[in-house]
Amino acid sequence: MDLIEVLPTLHMLRFPVGAAYLWRDGSDLTLIDAGLADSGADIEKVLDGPLRRIVLTHWHEDHAGAAAELAARHGAEVIAHHLEAPVIRGEVAGVPAVLEEFEVPIRAALPPLPPVPPCRVDREVADGDVLEFGGGAVVVAVPGHTDGSIAIHLPGPNVLFTGDAVSNVERTRMGVFNTDRARAAASVRRLAELGAETAVFGHGTPIASGAAQALRDAAASVGTVH
């Protein structure tokens, strides 16, 4: 795992597949996504304050993997969209992605990912809810990658956590492996309207400043999806 500073209050935890993010309010820490199931020990090494909450953008293996371990060890509140919560708890199976033709070789090239242990969800959220970090973190529903995918916008510092709705590998674009491509495209357009200065992604390089234009370009590139 690589630890990369994006802002003084924000660090990227980069894994072989995907990323998580650590936000700091004084000594209090918030983890946005939790990497793979085998990444808990690496994440623990960089926790230098109380882990207050774990926000899961969606249920996938590279985002919710270590959440159960970290939540149990640190007593952190686990937060997810109400549509993702039953999957994260292990009560129902997640809906698989509908792969586009160009996505088939991308998926085939990925290593097998360890299964996600069921994890409690303490707080189920919906679009517009506000979380107690970063000066008031607004939940933005971004369905399409999964039904209950969320992004998190911090209006004060103008930071956007896109989850997998948007990626920034080579260029900023709509994320891959979606369950509903049309809804995913609409979600990209919605995120572009926020005008974020800083954007961080489930996959790809963070944009510390000037993210708004990159997100507008991504929104324009998806066009009208039928």
Protein backbone atom coordinates (compact mmCIF):
# COMPACT_ATOMS: atom_id res chain seq x y z
CA MET A 1 0.00 0.00 0.00
CA ASP A 2 1.21 3.51 -0.84
CA LEU A 3 0.29 6.53 1.28
CA ILE A 4 -0.01 9.69 -0.85
CA GLU A 5 -0.80 13.18 0.41
CA VAL A 6 -3.47 14.91 -1.66
CA LEU A 7 -4.06 17.76 0.79
CA PRO A 8 -2.75 18.28 4.35
CA THR A 9 -6.09 16.88 5.60
CA LEU A 10 -6.47 14.17 2.94
CA HIS A 11 -4.37 11.14 2.07
CA MET A 12 -4.83 8.47 -0.57
CA LEU A 13 -4.25 4.84 0.41
CA ARG A 14 -3.36 3.23 -2.91
CA PHE A 15 -3.66 -0.55 -3.21
CA PRO A 16 -2.77 -2.89 -6.09
CA VAL A 17 -6.45 -2.64 -7.00
CA GLY A 18 -8.29 0.55 -6.07
CA ALA A 19 -7.87 3.10 -3.31
CA ALA A 20 -9.26 4.34 -0.03
CA TYR A 21 -8.96 7.82 1.47
CA LEU A 22 -8.21 9.11 4.95
CA TRP A 23 -9.68 12.48 5.97
CA ARG A 24 -8.43 14.26 9.07
CA ASP A 25 -10.36 16.64 11.33
CA GLY A 26 -7.77 17.49 13.97
CA SER A 27 -6.90 14.10 15.44
CA ASP A 28 -10.17 12.46 14.33
CA LEU A 29 -10.02 10.26 11.24
CA THR A 30 -12.62 9.28 8.67
CA LEU A 31 -11.92 6.46 6.22
CA ILE A 32 -13.69 6.62 2.88
CA ASP A 33 -13.77 3.04 1.57
CA ALA A 34 -11.72 0.25 3.08
CA GLY A 35 -9.75 -1.51 0.37
CA LEU A 36 -9.56 -5.26 -0.06
CA ALA A 37 -10.21 -7.78 2.70
CA ASP A 38 -6.47 -8.34 3.16
CA SER A 39 -5.59 -4.64 3.46
CA GLY A 40 -6.62 -4.09 7.09
CA ALA A 41 -3.11 -4.42 8.54
CA ASP A 42 -1.68 -1.92 6.06
CA ILE A 43 -4.47 0.57 6.77
CA GLU A 44 -3.90 0.25 10.50
CA LYS A 45 -0.27 1.32 10.11
CA VAL A 46 -1.32 4.80 8.98
CA LEU A 47 -4.05 5.39 11.57
CA ASP A 48 -2.43 7.89 13.94
CA GLY A 49 -5.65 9.04 15.60
CA PRO A 50 -9.10 7.71 16.53
CA LEU A 51 -10.96 6.22 13.56
CA ARG A 52 -14.42 7.70 14.02
CA ARG A 53 -16.19 6.42 10.92
CA ILE A 54 -15.88 4.34 7.77
CA VAL A 55 -17.90 5.58 4.80
CA LEU A 56 -18.44 2.97 2.09
CA THR A 57 -19.21 4.31 -1.37
CA HIS A 58 -20.50 0.87 -2.44
CA TRP A 59 -20.26 -2.83 -1.67
CA HIS A 60 -17.57 -4.05 -4.09
CA GLU A 61 -14.65 -6.16 -2.90
CA ASP A 62 -12.05 -3.42 -3.40
CA HIS A 63 -14.06 -0.87 -1.40
CA ALA A 64 -15.67 -2.69 1.53
CA GLY A 65 -13.10 -5.45 2.04
CA ALA A 66 -11.45 -4.47 5.34
CA ALA A 67 -14.41 -2.56 6.76
CA ALA A 68 -15.58 -5.30 9.15
CA GLU A 69 -12.10 -5.83 10.60
CA LEU A 70 -11.40 -2.13 11.08
CA ALA A 71 -14.85 -1.33 12.45
CA ALA A 72 -14.62 -4.11 15.02
CA ARG A 73 -11.12 -3.18 16.12
CA HIS A 74 -11.68 0.56 16.39
CA GLY A 75 -15.39 0.84 17.17
CA ALA A 76 -15.81 3.03 14.09
CA GLU A 77 -19.28 3.87 12.81
CA VAL A 78 -19.93 2.27 9.42
CA ILE A 79 -21.95 4.33 6.96
CA ALA A 80 -23.43 3.26 3.61
CA HIS A 81 -26.40 3.97 1.36
CA HIS A 82 -29.56 2.18 2.41
CA LEU A 83 -29.59 0.18 -0.84
CA GLU A 84 -26.03 -1.06 -0.29
CA ALA A 85 -26.42 -1.89 3.39
CA PRO A 86 -28.06 -5.34 2.94
CA VAL A 87 -25.26 -6.39 0.58
CA ILE A 88 -22.54 -5.12 2.92
CA ARG A 89 -24.14 -6.98 5.83
CA GLY A 90 -24.13 -10.17 3.76
CA GLU A 91 -27.92 -10.45 3.74
CA VAL A 92 -28.29 -10.40 -0.05
CA ALA A 93 -25.99 -10.77 -3.03
CA GLY A 94 -24.90 -7.72 -4.97
CA VAL A 95 -26.09 -7.24 -8.54
CA PRO A 96 -23.25 -7.99 -10.99
CA ALA A 97 -22.10 -5.48 -13.57
CA VAL A 98 -23.32 -5.59 -17.16
CA LEU A 99 -20.06 -5.45 -19.06
CA GLU A 100 -19.60 -3.47 -22.23
CA GLU A 101 -17.57 -5.23 -24.92
CA PHE A 102 -14.47 -3.11 -24.21
CA GLU A 103 -14.71 -3.93 -20.49
CA VAL A 104 -14.47 -7.71 -20.91
CA PRO A 105 -10.65 -7.83 -21.31
CA ILE A 106 -10.22 -5.26 -18.53
CA ARG A 107 -12.16 -7.46 -16.13
CA ALA A 108 -10.31 -10.58 -17.32
CA ALA A 109 -6.95 -8.94 -16.56
CA LEU A 110 -7.82 -8.25 -12.92
CA PRO A 111 -6.47 -10.61 -10.27
CA PRO A 112 -8.99 -12.57 -8.21
CA LEU A 113 -10.23 -10.40 -5.35
CA PRO A 114 -10.76 -11.84 -1.87
CA PRO A 115 -14.40 -12.04 -0.77
CA VAL A 116 -15.76 -9.35 1.54
CA PRO A 117 -16.57 -10.46 5.09
CA PRO A 118 -20.04 -9.29 6.15
CA CYS A 119 -19.88 -5.98 7.95
CA ARG A 120 -22.34 -4.17 10.18
CA VAL A 121 -23.78 -0.91 8.86
CA ASP A 122 -24.58 1.47 11.69
CA ARG A 123 -26.00 4.32 9.64
CA GLU A 124 -27.93 4.01 6.39
CA VAL A 125 -27.93 7.20 4.36
CA ALA A 126 -29.64 8.68 1.32
CA ASP A 127 -29.04 11.53 -1.08
CA GLY A 128 -28.57 14.87 0.66
CA ASP A 129 -27.76 13.51 4.11
CA VAL A 130 -24.93 15.31 5.89
CA LEU A 131 -22.15 13.50 7.75
CA GLU A 132 -20.16 14.95 10.62
CA PHE A 133 -16.73 15.40 9.10
CA GLY A 134 -14.99 17.83 6.82
CA GLY A 135 -17.21 20.68 7.95
CA GLY A 136 -20.34 18.84 6.81
CA ALA A 137 -19.98 16.06 4.22
CA VAL A 138 -22.92 15.80 1.83
CA VAL A 139 -24.00 12.40 0.52
CA VAL A 140 -24.54 12.46 -3.24
CA ALA A 141 -26.41 9.48 -4.69
CA VAL A 142 -24.66 8.32 -7.87
CA PRO A 143 -26.51 5.17 -9.00
CA GLY A 144 -25.35 3.27 -12.03
CA HIS A 145 -22.15 1.60 -10.89
CA THR A 146 -24.31 -0.07 -8.27
CA ASP A 147 -27.84 0.89 -7.26
CA GLY A 148 -26.71 2.45 -4.00
CA SER A 149 -23.38 3.99 -4.97
CA ILE A 150 -22.62 7.29 -3.28
CA ALA A 151 -20.14 10.10 -3.69
CA ILE A 152 -19.23 12.46 -0.84
CA HIS A 153 -18.89 16.22 -1.31
CA LEU A 154 -17.30 18.51 1.25
CA PRO A 155 -18.62 21.96 0.23
CA GLY A 156 -16.32 23.88 2.59
CA PRO A 157 -12.96 22.66 1.26
CA ASN A 158 -14.73 21.74 -2.02
CA VAL A 159 -13.46 18.17 -2.07
CA LEU A 160 -15.28 15.39 -3.93
CA PHE A 161 -14.91 11.65 -3.30
CA THR A 162 -16.37 10.09 -6.45
CA GLY A 163 -16.20 6.42 -5.51
CA ASP A 164 -16.34 4.43 -8.75
CA ALA A 165 -18.76 6.78 -10.50
CA VAL A 166 -15.73 8.45 -12.06
CA SER A 167 -12.18 7.20 -12.59
CA ASN A 168 -8.98 9.01 -13.49
CA VAL A 169 -6.82 6.42 -15.20
CA GLU A 170 -5.10 8.11 -18.17
CA ARG A 171 -7.96 10.61 -18.26
CA THR A 172 -11.04 11.49 -16.21
CA ARG A 173 -14.00 9.42 -17.35
CA MET A 174 -17.04 7.49 -16.25
CA GLY A 175 -16.08 4.43 -14.23
CA VAL A 176 -16.31 0.93 -15.70
CA PHE A 177 -18.24 -2.20 -14.68
CA ASN A 178 -21.64 -0.56 -14.22
CA THR A 179 -25.01 -2.17 -13.62
CA ASP A 180 -26.85 0.59 -15.53
CA ARG A 181 -24.81 2.62 -17.99
CA ALA A 182 -27.46 5.30 -18.53
CA ARG A 183 -27.81 6.00 -14.80
CA ALA A 184 -24.03 5.96 -14.45
CA ALA A 185 -23.72 8.60 -17.16
CA ALA A 186 -26.33 10.76 -15.44
CA SER A 187 -24.36 10.44 -12.20
CA VAL A 188 -21.18 11.69 -13.88
CA ARG A 189 -23.06 14.72 -15.16
CA ARG A 190 -24.42 15.39 -11.68
CA LEU A 191 -20.98 15.26 -10.10
CA ALA A 192 -19.63 17.66 -12.74
CA GLU A 193 -22.23 20.21 -11.69
CA LEU A 194 -20.74 20.40 -8.18
CA GLY A 195 -17.71 22.34 -9.39
CA ALA A 196 -15.28 20.52 -7.08
CA GLU A 197 -11.78 21.93 -6.74
CA THR A 198 -10.31 18.62 -5.52
CA ALA A 199 -11.50 15.21 -6.69
CA VAL A 200 -10.38 11.76 -5.61
CA PHE A 201 -11.39 8.51 -7.24
CA GLY A 202 -11.80 4.83 -6.48
CA HIS A 203 -9.37 4.19 -9.33
CA GLY A 204 -6.81 6.60 -10.69
CA THR A 205 -4.80 9.67 -9.78
CA PRO A 206 -6.31 12.30 -7.46
CA ILE A 207 -6.75 15.83 -8.78
CA ALA A 208 -5.68 18.19 -6.00
CA SER A 209 -6.76 21.37 -7.79
CA GLY A 210 -8.69 22.26 -10.92
CA ALA A 211 -10.89 19.16 -10.81
CA ALA A 212 -14.02 20.95 -12.00
CA GLN A 213 -12.87 21.15 -15.61
CA ALA A 214 -11.78 17.51 -15.68
CA LEU A 215 -15.18 16.45 -14.36
CA ARG A 216 -16.96 18.64 -16.92
CA ASP A 217 -14.89 17.02 -19.66
CA ALA A 218 -15.84 13.58 -18.33
CA ALA A 219 -19.51 14.54 -18.32
CA ALA A 220 -19.28 15.82 -21.88
CA SER A 221 -17.59 12.62 -23.02
CA VAL A 222 -20.44 10.37 -21.89
CA GLY A 223 -22.87 12.34 -24.04
CA THR A 224 -26.41 11.05 -24.15
CA VAL A 225 -26.52 7.37 -23.27
CA HIS A 226 -29.56 5.32 -24.28
